[in-house]
Each structure stands twice: as C-alpha cells, then as structure tokens.
Protein backbone atom coordinates (compact mmCIF):
# COMPACT_ATOMS: atom_id res chain seq x y z
CA MET A 1 169.40 61.03 126.02
CA VAL A 2 165.73 61.78 126.73
CA SER A 3 164.47 64.97 125.13
CA THR A 4 163.66 67.87 127.45
CA PRO A 5 159.88 68.25 127.96
CA ALA A 6 158.38 71.46 126.62
CA VAL A 7 155.27 73.59 126.45
CA VAL A 8 154.53 75.74 123.41
CA ILE A 9 152.94 79.13 124.10
CA ALA A 10 150.64 80.03 121.22
CA ALA A 11 147.67 82.29 120.53
CA PRO A 12 144.79 82.71 118.08
CA ALA A 13 146.43 85.88 116.72
CA SER A 14 149.26 88.33 117.21
CA GLY A 15 148.95 90.77 120.09
CA SER A 16 147.36 88.28 122.48
CA GLY A 17 150.14 88.50 125.06
CA LYS A 18 152.36 85.54 124.18
CA THR A 19 155.59 87.37 125.06
CA THR A 20 154.33 88.46 128.47
CA VAL A 21 153.11 84.96 129.29
CA ALA A 22 156.15 83.14 127.88
CA THR A 23 158.69 85.45 129.53
CA GLY A 24 156.82 85.39 132.82
CA LEU A 25 156.55 81.60 132.71
CA ILE A 26 160.26 81.24 132.05
CA GLY A 27 161.07 83.50 134.99
CA ALA A 28 158.51 81.97 137.35
CA LEU A 29 159.49 78.39 136.56
CA ARG A 30 163.15 79.29 137.05
CA ARG A 31 162.29 80.93 140.37
CA ALA A 32 160.49 77.71 141.34
CA GLY A 33 163.71 75.76 140.84
CA HIS A 34 163.50 74.61 137.22
CA ARG A 35 166.33 74.88 134.70
CA VAL A 36 164.38 76.42 131.82
CA ALA A 37 165.44 76.45 128.16
CA PRO A 38 163.86 79.41 126.32
CA PHE A 39 162.95 79.28 122.62
CA LYS A 40 161.16 81.48 120.10
CA VAL A 41 159.55 80.30 116.86
CA GLY A 42 160.68 82.18 113.77
CA PRO A 43 163.33 84.80 112.98
CA ASP A 44 162.62 87.09 115.95
CA TYR A 45 165.72 88.63 117.61
CA ILE A 46 164.04 90.76 120.28
CA ASP A 47 161.84 88.39 122.28
CA PRO A 48 164.75 85.97 122.91
CA GLY A 49 166.58 88.80 124.67
CA TYR A 50 163.81 89.01 127.27
CA HIS A 51 163.63 85.22 127.45
CA GLY A 52 167.36 85.16 128.15
CA LEU A 53 167.01 87.60 131.01
CA ALA A 54 164.25 85.47 132.53
CA ALA A 55 166.05 82.15 132.06
CA GLY A 56 169.63 83.17 132.83
CA ARG A 57 170.76 81.48 129.60
CA PRO A 58 170.60 82.47 125.91
CA GLY A 59 167.23 82.59 124.21
CA ARG A 60 167.25 80.61 120.98
CA ASN A 61 165.15 80.42 117.81
CA LEU A 62 163.48 77.48 116.07
CA ASP A 63 162.88 78.35 112.42
CA PRO A 64 162.45 75.54 109.88
CA VAL A 65 162.32 78.06 107.03
CA LEU A 66 165.81 79.39 107.72
CA VAL A 67 167.60 76.27 108.99
CA GLY A 68 165.63 73.47 107.32
CA ALA A 69 163.12 71.18 108.97
CA ASP A 70 165.75 68.50 109.61
CA ARG A 71 167.75 70.79 111.92
CA VAL A 72 164.91 71.93 114.19
CA VAL A 73 164.94 68.98 116.59
CA PRO A 74 168.77 68.78 116.80
CA LEU A 75 168.91 72.53 117.54
CA TYR A 76 166.17 72.13 120.16
CA ARG A 77 168.05 69.30 121.83
CA HIS A 78 171.28 71.32 121.73
CA GLY A 79 169.64 74.39 123.27
CA SER A 80 167.81 72.45 125.99
CA ARG A 81 170.70 70.31 127.23
CA ASP A 82 171.09 70.35 131.01
CA CYS A 83 167.54 71.71 131.39
CA ASP A 84 164.50 69.98 132.83
CA LEU A 85 161.90 72.10 131.04
CA ALA A 86 161.60 74.22 127.89
CA VAL A 87 159.22 77.07 127.10
CA VAL A 88 158.73 77.77 123.39
CA GLU A 89 157.05 81.05 122.47
CA GLY A 90 155.18 80.90 119.19
CA VAL A 91 154.84 83.42 116.38
CA MET A 92 151.65 85.19 115.23
CA GLY A 93 148.62 82.88 115.41
CA LEU A 94 149.05 79.16 116.06
CA PHE A 95 148.67 78.12 112.42
CA ASP A 96 150.22 81.20 110.81
CA GLY A 97 153.51 80.77 108.94
CA ARG A 98 155.14 81.36 105.60
CA ILE A 99 152.48 82.23 103.02
CA ASP A 100 152.61 79.74 100.16
CA GLU A 101 149.69 79.66 97.74
CA HIS A 102 150.68 76.13 96.67
CA ASN A 103 150.55 74.67 100.19
CA THR A 104 147.39 72.65 100.81
CA GLU A 105 148.35 71.41 104.26
CA PRO A 106 146.67 72.90 107.36
CA ILE A 107 150.04 73.57 108.98
CA ALA A 108 152.05 76.33 107.33
CA GLU A 109 155.84 76.17 107.08
CA GLY A 110 157.46 78.06 109.93
CA SER A 111 154.29 78.15 112.02
CA THR A 112 154.02 77.54 115.73
CA ALA A 113 151.90 74.49 114.95
CA GLN A 114 154.69 73.01 112.82
CA ILE A 115 157.19 73.41 115.67
CA ALA A 116 154.77 71.90 118.19
CA ALA A 117 154.28 68.90 115.90
CA MET A 118 158.03 68.48 115.36
CA LEU A 119 158.71 68.56 119.10
CA GLY A 120 155.66 66.52 120.05
CA ALA A 121 154.94 69.20 122.65
CA PRO A 122 151.55 70.38 123.96
CA VAL A 123 150.24 73.82 123.10
CA ILE A 124 149.02 76.30 125.69
CA LEU A 125 146.75 78.84 124.01
CA VAL A 126 146.94 82.41 125.31
CA VAL A 127 143.63 84.16 124.67
CA ASP A 128 143.18 87.91 124.88
CA ALA A 129 139.96 87.89 126.89
CA ARG A 130 138.89 91.41 125.96
CA GLY A 131 135.60 91.15 124.09
CA HIS A 132 135.17 87.42 124.69
CA SER A 133 132.30 85.74 126.50
CA GLN A 134 130.51 82.39 125.96
CA SER A 135 131.48 82.31 122.28
CA LEU A 136 135.06 81.63 123.36
CA ALA A 137 134.03 77.96 123.46
CA ALA A 138 133.49 77.95 119.69
CA LEU A 139 136.87 79.56 119.04
CA LEU A 140 138.63 77.03 121.27
CA HIS A 141 136.76 74.13 119.67
CA GLY A 142 138.06 75.25 116.29
CA PHE A 143 141.67 75.49 117.41
CA ALA A 144 141.48 72.16 119.27
CA THR A 145 140.09 70.23 116.28
CA TYR A 146 141.64 72.00 113.27
CA ASP A 147 144.54 69.55 113.05
CA SER A 148 144.71 66.22 114.87
CA GLY A 149 148.51 66.37 115.06
CA ILE A 150 148.39 69.35 117.44
CA ARG A 151 147.58 68.73 121.09
CA LEU A 152 145.93 71.71 122.76
CA GLY A 153 146.75 71.12 126.42
CA GLY A 154 145.22 74.15 128.13
CA VAL A 155 144.32 77.82 128.04
CA ILE A 156 145.68 80.93 129.72
CA LEU A 157 143.21 83.78 129.84
CA ASN A 158 144.93 87.14 129.44
CA ARG A 159 143.62 90.65 130.21
CA VAL A 160 140.59 89.44 132.14
CA GLY A 161 138.34 92.31 133.17
CA SER A 162 136.73 91.06 136.40
CA GLU A 163 135.97 88.02 138.54
CA ARG A 164 132.60 87.62 136.80
CA HIS A 165 134.29 87.82 133.41
CA GLU A 166 136.73 85.11 134.46
CA GLN A 167 133.90 82.84 135.63
CA VAL A 168 132.13 83.11 132.26
CA LEU A 169 135.34 82.39 130.34
CA ARG A 170 136.24 79.41 132.54
CA ALA A 171 132.80 77.97 131.88
CA ALA A 172 133.35 78.38 128.13
CA CYS A 173 136.67 76.53 128.36
CA ALA A 174 135.04 73.75 130.37
CA ARG A 175 132.46 73.23 127.63
CA VAL A 176 135.20 72.11 125.23
CA GLY A 177 137.16 70.20 127.84
CA LEU A 178 140.16 72.52 128.04
CA PRO A 179 141.67 73.28 131.45
CA VAL A 180 142.36 76.87 132.37
CA LEU A 181 145.92 77.06 133.62
CA GLY A 182 145.69 80.67 134.70
CA ALA A 183 143.90 83.99 134.30
CA LEU A 184 145.86 87.25 134.12
CA PRO A 185 144.17 90.56 134.95
CA ARG A 186 144.60 93.61 132.79
CA MET A 187 147.93 95.19 133.73
CA ALA A 188 148.76 98.05 131.39
CA GLU A 189 151.85 98.97 133.41
CA LEU A 190 153.55 95.79 132.16
CA ALA A 191 153.82 97.21 128.64
CA VAL A 192 157.44 97.27 127.51
CA PRO A 193 158.44 100.26 125.35
CA SER A 194 158.42 99.50 121.63
CA ARG A 195 159.41 101.11 118.37
CA HIS A 196 158.94 100.51 114.65
CA LEU A 197 160.19 96.88 114.67
CA GLY A 198 158.56 95.79 117.93
CA LEU A 199 159.84 95.81 121.50
CA ILE A 200 162.99 97.72 122.34
CA PRO A 201 165.76 95.09 122.72
CA ALA A 202 166.59 94.15 126.28
CA VAL A 203 170.21 95.27 125.84
CA GLU A 204 169.06 98.79 124.98
CA HIS A 205 166.38 98.91 127.65
CA GLY A 206 168.93 98.11 130.38
CA SER A 207 167.70 97.89 133.95
CA ALA A 208 164.17 98.69 132.82
CA ALA A 209 164.17 95.47 130.80
CA GLN A 210 165.07 93.47 133.89
CA ALA A 211 162.35 95.28 135.82
CA ALA A 212 159.83 94.39 133.10
CA VAL A 213 160.92 90.74 133.19
CA ASP A 214 160.61 90.71 136.98
CA ALA A 215 157.10 92.17 136.73
CA MET A 216 156.07 89.54 134.17
CA THR A 217 157.50 86.85 136.41
CA ASP A 218 155.59 88.16 139.44
CA LEU A 219 152.35 88.35 137.45
CA VAL A 220 152.62 84.80 136.13
CA ALA A 221 153.69 83.38 139.49
CA ALA A 222 150.62 84.91 141.12
CA HIS A 223 148.03 83.92 138.53
CA ILE A 224 149.18 80.77 136.68
CA ASP A 225 149.34 77.22 138.03
CA LEU A 226 153.04 76.50 137.54
CA SER A 227 152.75 72.92 138.74
CA ALA A 228 150.05 72.23 136.14
CA VAL A 229 152.19 73.78 133.39
CA ALA A 230 155.22 71.70 134.40
CA ALA A 231 153.10 68.54 134.56
CA LEU A 232 151.72 69.24 131.08
CA ALA A 233 155.18 69.61 129.49
CA ALA A 234 156.23 66.81 127.17
CA SER A 235 158.35 66.16 124.09
CA LYS A 236 158.75 63.36 121.61
CA ALA A 237 161.70 65.04 119.90
CA ASP A 238 164.16 62.27 119.14
CA GLY A 239 167.40 62.10 117.24
CA PRO A 240 170.88 63.64 117.30
CA VAL A 241 171.90 66.74 119.22
CA TRP A 242 173.24 69.56 117.04
CA ASP A 243 177.00 69.89 117.44
CA PRO A 244 178.71 72.97 115.97
CA ALA A 245 182.06 71.17 115.95
CA ALA A 246 180.63 68.59 113.55
CA GLU A 247 179.53 71.29 111.09
CA VAL A 248 182.86 73.02 110.43
CA THR A 249 186.59 72.34 110.31
CA ALA A 250 188.62 74.26 112.88
CA GLU A 251 191.38 76.66 111.79
CA GLU A 252 194.38 75.92 113.98
CA SER A 253 195.73 79.47 113.77
CA GLY A 254 192.82 80.88 115.84
CA PRO A 255 192.11 84.13 113.94
CA VAL A 256 190.42 86.92 115.88
CA VAL A 257 186.85 87.51 114.68
CA ALA A 258 185.30 90.66 116.13
CA ILE A 259 181.51 90.89 116.51
CA ALA A 260 179.84 94.28 116.86
CA GLY A 261 177.55 94.36 119.89
CA GLY A 262 176.21 96.88 122.38
CA PRO A 263 172.91 98.75 122.09
CA ALA A 264 173.16 99.43 118.33
CA PHE A 265 173.78 95.85 117.18
CA THR A 266 171.59 93.47 119.16
CA PHE A 267 170.32 91.05 116.50
CA GLY A 268 172.03 87.69 116.41
CA TYR A 269 171.73 83.97 116.99
CA ALA A 270 173.55 82.13 119.79
CA GLU A 271 174.61 79.47 117.30
CA HIS A 272 176.60 82.06 115.32
CA ARG A 273 179.22 82.52 118.03
CA GLU A 274 179.24 78.79 118.69
CA LEU A 275 179.97 78.03 115.04
CA LEU A 276 182.65 80.73 114.80
CA ALA A 277 184.37 79.28 117.86
CA ALA A 278 184.02 75.73 116.55
CA ALA A 279 185.66 76.86 113.29
CA GLY A 280 188.67 77.99 115.31
CA ALA A 281 187.97 81.70 115.68
CA GLU A 282 188.79 83.65 118.81
CA VAL A 283 185.52 85.55 119.14
CA ARG A 284 185.65 89.02 120.68
CA VAL A 285 182.60 91.26 121.11
CA PHE A 286 183.01 95.04 121.03
CA ASP A 287 180.69 98.05 121.18
CA PRO A 288 181.01 100.40 118.16
CA LEU A 289 179.52 103.21 120.23
CA ARG A 290 182.70 103.47 122.29
CA ASP A 291 185.29 100.79 121.49
CA GLU A 292 188.06 100.36 118.97
CA LEU A 293 188.49 97.18 116.94
CA PRO A 294 189.89 94.40 119.12
CA SER A 295 193.61 93.86 118.73
CA GLY A 296 194.47 91.51 115.90
CA THR A 297 191.03 91.57 114.27
CA ALA A 298 191.18 89.40 111.15
CA GLY A 299 187.45 89.13 110.48
CA LEU A 300 184.54 91.42 111.33
CA VAL A 301 180.87 90.55 111.85
CA ILE A 302 178.38 93.42 112.07
CA PRO A 303 174.92 92.01 112.83
CA GLY A 304 171.49 93.59 112.74
CA GLY A 305 170.04 96.04 115.22
CA PHE A 306 168.98 99.67 115.43
CA PRO A 307 171.85 101.89 114.25
CA GLU A 308 169.32 104.55 113.22
CA GLU A 309 168.57 105.04 116.93
CA HIS A 310 172.27 105.58 117.71
CA ALA A 311 173.55 107.18 114.51
CA ALA A 312 175.02 110.29 116.16
CA ASP A 313 176.98 108.29 118.72
CA LEU A 314 178.18 105.82 116.11
CA ALA A 315 179.34 108.73 113.97
CA ALA A 316 181.23 110.20 116.93
CA ASN A 317 183.53 107.17 117.13
CA THR A 318 185.60 108.35 114.17
CA THR A 319 188.64 106.28 115.14
CA LEU A 320 186.68 103.07 114.69
CA LEU A 321 185.03 104.20 111.45
CA THR A 322 188.39 105.07 109.92
CA SER A 323 189.95 101.83 111.10
CA ILE A 324 187.19 99.71 109.57
CA ALA A 325 187.41 101.57 106.26
CA ASP A 326 191.20 101.17 106.14
CA ARG A 327 191.10 97.46 106.94
CA ALA A 328 188.27 96.83 104.50
CA ALA A 329 190.37 98.40 101.75
CA ARG A 330 193.18 95.97 102.67
CA GLY A 331 190.84 93.00 102.33
CA LEU A 332 189.52 92.43 105.86
CA PRO A 333 186.69 89.87 105.58
CA ILE A 334 183.46 91.55 106.73
CA HIS A 335 180.04 89.97 107.16
CA ALA A 336 177.39 92.68 107.61
CA GLU A 337 173.64 92.11 107.87
CA CYS A 338 170.97 94.84 107.85
CA ALA A 339 172.27 97.23 110.54
CA GLY A 340 175.75 96.18 109.49
CA LEU A 341 174.97 97.21 105.91
CA LEU A 342 173.83 100.63 107.12
CA TYR A 343 176.95 101.06 109.27
CA LEU A 344 179.17 100.47 106.24
CA THR A 345 177.50 103.14 104.07
CA ARG A 346 178.77 106.71 103.72
CA THR A 347 175.97 108.22 105.79
CA LEU A 348 172.92 107.15 107.80
CA ASP A 349 170.28 109.86 108.21
CA GLY A 350 173.00 112.40 107.47
CA HIS A 351 175.48 111.04 110.02
CA ARG A 352 178.87 109.83 108.91
CA MET A 353 179.34 106.06 108.77
CA ALA A 354 182.32 103.91 107.70
CA GLY A 355 182.11 104.64 103.97
CA VAL A 356 183.06 101.12 102.92
CA ILE A 357 179.95 101.03 100.71
CA ASP A 358 179.47 104.04 98.41
CA ALA A 359 175.82 104.55 99.25
CA GLU A 360 173.71 106.61 101.64
CA ALA A 361 170.94 105.35 103.89
CA GLU A 362 167.94 106.77 105.72
CA PHE A 363 164.98 105.75 107.84
CA GLY A 364 162.13 105.00 105.45
CA PRO A 365 158.34 105.29 105.36
CA ARG A 366 157.44 101.60 105.30
CA LEU A 367 158.37 98.24 106.77
CA THR A 368 160.03 95.62 104.59
CA LEU A 369 159.34 92.17 106.01
CA GLY A 370 159.41 88.58 104.85
CA TYR A 371 161.29 85.42 103.98
CA ARG A 372 163.36 85.41 100.79
CA ASP A 373 164.72 82.61 98.60
CA ALA A 374 167.96 84.21 97.44
CA VAL A 375 170.86 83.32 95.17
CA ALA A 376 174.36 84.71 95.68
CA LEU A 377 175.42 86.86 92.72
CA THR A 378 179.06 87.35 93.70
CA ASP A 379 181.83 85.38 95.32
CA SER A 380 182.46 86.56 98.89
CA PRO A 381 184.17 85.32 102.07
CA LEU A 382 180.94 83.42 102.88
CA TRP A 383 179.21 82.37 99.67
CA SER A 384 180.12 81.44 96.12
CA ALA A 385 178.18 82.88 93.21
CA GLY A 386 175.19 80.68 92.45
CA GLU A 387 174.67 79.33 95.97
CA ARG A 388 171.09 79.48 97.23
CA VAL A 389 169.97 80.43 100.73
CA ARG A 390 166.83 81.28 102.61
CA GLY A 391 166.89 84.53 104.53
CA HIS A 392 164.63 87.07 106.16
CA GLU A 393 164.22 90.84 105.75
CA PHE A 394 163.04 93.04 108.62
CA HIS A 395 163.75 96.78 108.34
CA ARG A 396 162.35 100.26 107.86
CA THR A 397 165.46 101.85 106.42
CA ARG A 398 166.53 102.07 102.80
CA LEU A 399 169.50 102.96 100.66
CA THR A 400 168.80 106.25 98.91
CA THR A 401 171.70 105.89 96.48
CA PRO A 402 172.74 102.55 94.97
CA SER A 403 176.22 101.21 95.50
CA SER A 404 178.48 100.70 92.50
CA ALA A 405 179.76 97.46 94.05
CA ALA A 406 178.43 94.14 92.80
CA PRO A 407 175.19 93.16 94.58
CA ALA A 408 175.19 90.34 97.10
CA TRP A 409 171.87 88.62 96.38
CA ALA A 410 169.02 88.31 93.93
CA TRP A 411 165.51 87.02 94.55
CA ARG A 412 162.02 87.31 93.14
CA SER A 413 159.48 89.42 94.99
CA PRO A 414 155.92 88.11 95.52
CA SER A 415 154.92 90.18 92.47
CA GLY A 416 157.55 88.47 90.31
CA GLU A 417 160.02 91.35 90.21
CA THR A 418 163.71 90.45 90.35
CA ILE A 419 165.36 92.16 93.32
CA ARG A 420 169.12 92.68 93.42
CA GLU A 421 170.28 93.72 96.85
CA GLY A 422 173.34 94.30 99.00
CA ALA A 423 176.94 95.09 98.12
CA THR A 424 180.21 93.17 97.99
CA PRO A 425 183.13 95.62 97.76
CA HIS A 426 186.61 94.33 98.61
CA ARG A 427 186.12 91.20 100.80
CA VAL A 428 182.82 92.45 102.20
CA HIS A 429 179.41 90.78 102.11
CA ALA A 430 176.78 93.34 103.16
CA SER A 431 173.04 92.93 102.78
CA TYR A 432 169.64 93.54 104.33
CA LEU A 433 169.09 89.78 104.34
CA HIS A 434 169.37 88.00 107.70
CA THR A 435 170.51 84.38 107.49
CA HIS A 436 170.71 81.76 110.22
CA PRO A 437 174.27 80.43 110.69
CA ALA A 438 173.04 76.97 111.72
CA GLY A 439 171.35 76.72 108.34
CA ASN A 440 174.55 77.81 106.57
CA PRO A 441 177.48 76.38 108.55
CA THR A 442 179.70 76.06 105.48
CA ALA A 443 179.56 79.84 105.04
CA ILE A 444 180.73 80.36 108.62
CA GLY A 445 183.63 77.98 108.10
CA ARG A 446 184.64 79.83 104.94
CA PHE A 447 184.52 83.14 106.77
CA VAL A 448 186.86 81.95 109.52
CA SER A 449 189.17 80.50 106.88
CA ALA A 450 189.21 83.89 105.13
CA ALA A 451 190.00 85.54 108.47
CA ALA A 452 192.90 83.13 108.98
CA ASP A 453 194.25 84.01 105.53
CA PHE A 454 193.97 87.74 106.31
CA ALA A 455 195.76 87.28 109.63
CA GLN A 456 198.61 85.42 107.95
CA THR A 457 198.93 87.90 105.10
CA HIS A 458 198.87 90.93 107.38
CA ALA A 459 200.91 89.52 110.26
CA PRO A 460 203.56 91.89 111.63
CA ALA A 461 206.96 91.37 110.02
C-alpha cells in the first residue's frame, strides 16, 4: 500500500501560528474534497482536538520519544489509511525537540524535523511576519540549508501587515528560491481562548470551538493556494501499518472498561481506545460531571484534563465519587494519569474528590513540563516493578500532602535529584506521568486482563 502523501507545518519558533494554519488547512482541504488525516508532533492533547473537528476524524500524535522511533511510520500509516492527504502540525521550532546535552546531531529527538525526515515529507514553514522585512531571506536560507535531510517546500506568511509588507516578504522568499504558498493578514479575532496549559480543549469550548475552526478554515481557503499545497505533499514512509490487534491478546470475556470523558477529562490518544478494544474490552465513555459508572464496570481509566476548572461540579456528583471509592477498595483496576490522579485524591482546591488516594491537591504556582525516563517502583495492573517507560509531565497542580501508598514511578530530574511520584493503593496506578499506549501495549493488555479477573471475581452470584 502506497503511503499517504503529507505536508509538515513547521515554524522558526513557537507562537508563529502553526495551529491556525494547520487547522485551517485541514478544514479547507477537506472542504475542497480531500480526505485529510490530521497529526500533531509530540505529546500535545489539545491541538489534535481542533484538528479532529476540522478533519471529521480523530487527530493523532507522532512522538518518537514516547512510542519509539520504530513505531512512528506504522502509526502514521495506520492513522492515514483511507485518506489521500495528511497534514502534520509540528511542535515548537522546526529543529526543537528533547534537550539532550550528549546529542551532536542537528536533528533533536522528538522534533518536527525528525518526523519530517521519517515520513519523507516536505516542510511548509509558517513565519510570523511581524517585524520581518528583507532579512527574512537570511532566516529562510538558514532553515533551508541547516540539514540536507529536510526539504523546505514553501513558506506561508502569517500576520502580514499590508500589501506593501507582503510584497517585500515575497521578494525575500524569492531570493532564496522558496515559493510563497499563502499570506495571511493579521486577524486577532481568530484567537482561541487559552489557559495555563495552552488552548482550551475543543470539547470544553463547545460550539465556539467549531466556530473558531470554521473561521480558520475560511481564512486559509481565502489566502492559501490549496492546489499548490496538495501538489507539494509527498511521503516516502514505507513499512508495516500499525495494527492494535497484533499488539495484544484479546480477553474473550469482554470486560467493561470505563473511560472518564467530558469537559474535565479531555486528554487522551486515539490508540488507547483501539488497544483496549483489541484486548477484548467493551469500552464505554462516561462524563464524571453528571454520569454514574457504566453498568458492569470492571476497569476504570481516568485520563488527563482540567479537573481544577470543574472541581465544584465534580465534587457535586457524590454518587460517582462514593462508587469509585467503594470499588477501588474492592480491587477495581484503575489507571489514572494527571487529572485522574487529582480526581482520586481526598480534595482538589478544597473540593471533595474520590478519596482513593490519601492526599490533597491544589493548583500550583508553576508549570511542570518535560519528558521523563521512569522506572516502575511497584507492581500494578499495568506495570511490574522494575519496568522502564518514557512519559511526559504537563501540569500546574501539585499534591500538598504526600500519599502513604507506595509510589508509582521514580526518575532523575535534570539536576540529578531522584523523584518518586504517584501512588498505587489497592489495584490503582495513579501518577502525573502521561504515557502513550502505543508505546506500551503490553501494559494495556495487562490492564484488560486485570479487568477480566475483577469481573469474574465480582460477578453476581
């Protein structure tokens, strides 16, 4: 099967407008009749939500740090099946990735450039035109020649101030032989509301998110040459297509695995549900703001999100909180990441939570962010003590009182300090660390197996 052609949307630096351009391109190309596969480089959960709205199919992530370099192309081919075009939004600047003082290569691990090289796809550079004039040619020359393995296929000028400004910038691009695929005027009204971790997730933003996506689509359709973008798209990604069924063994009993969703728990990867289903689980999504646990729940997944924004409403659903605490005490397998950890504490910003973990949590003063090389300290329904994983932290909350339960993970901070984090009471694995299920399929299979055991043990007489 021929790999789906792609374009990679990159920029010299963060804040250049990649998300606006990528989301608008996805929507405009779909409107023009293309079946578009949307991707995001790195561990971002929020941008893929807007991509999904624009594409009409799940946004997916490509992260060699979390899943391993060997899985990137198979996951790309899996996520782009039945599509004729893919749009891949980059992360930070084109060559920015995981900081490793020992790396001497020009392409950093986890960078947009690394993904573009793996896919053999051309890069479209989005340049924030504010403050740029003729010297833009020098900047573009640097990006075009920094690494011969990266093909810079064109430029999109963003936030252009006037027709004269656009003429000067187009001339600068022409000097280095780079075509201008479009020029977007300054449109402040397109700003999507954000908070401490970036954009507000599309699920929370509701109809306003769809309106923002529609506005991005209209803007791109009016100012970018879609035919030129489609003609530029290419991919040399070759090899097998990722198959969740090949990664796990299916439980024939079909245990019910409930996944917390709704506005408070929006962080997750599409491959997670696919792996759970492939492992034999009957996956049911529920909203902790208003729902009870689905009937027959034998395993519970509580992903990341923004529970601190919904703490009062989460606390008001006392029936659910009590039910989770009772089932956890009876050994219900629970996989909780970041927001899930907070939800299982006694209190969050003074609001009652489930109380499965004997700790309290609050919104904190600083952002904790970065990849972690972690080792499991305790056996759990997902990992055995001593297993190593790569994960990612991304939060501005903290536990104000430590849990007495055994910690989930340990890792070394950049300063060399040993960090012990998370909690594993009962059959619970709760932590701030986000992991990618496609990089840890064995853990997902174990979790479904633990759910099947719980269902059998607690089946009605």
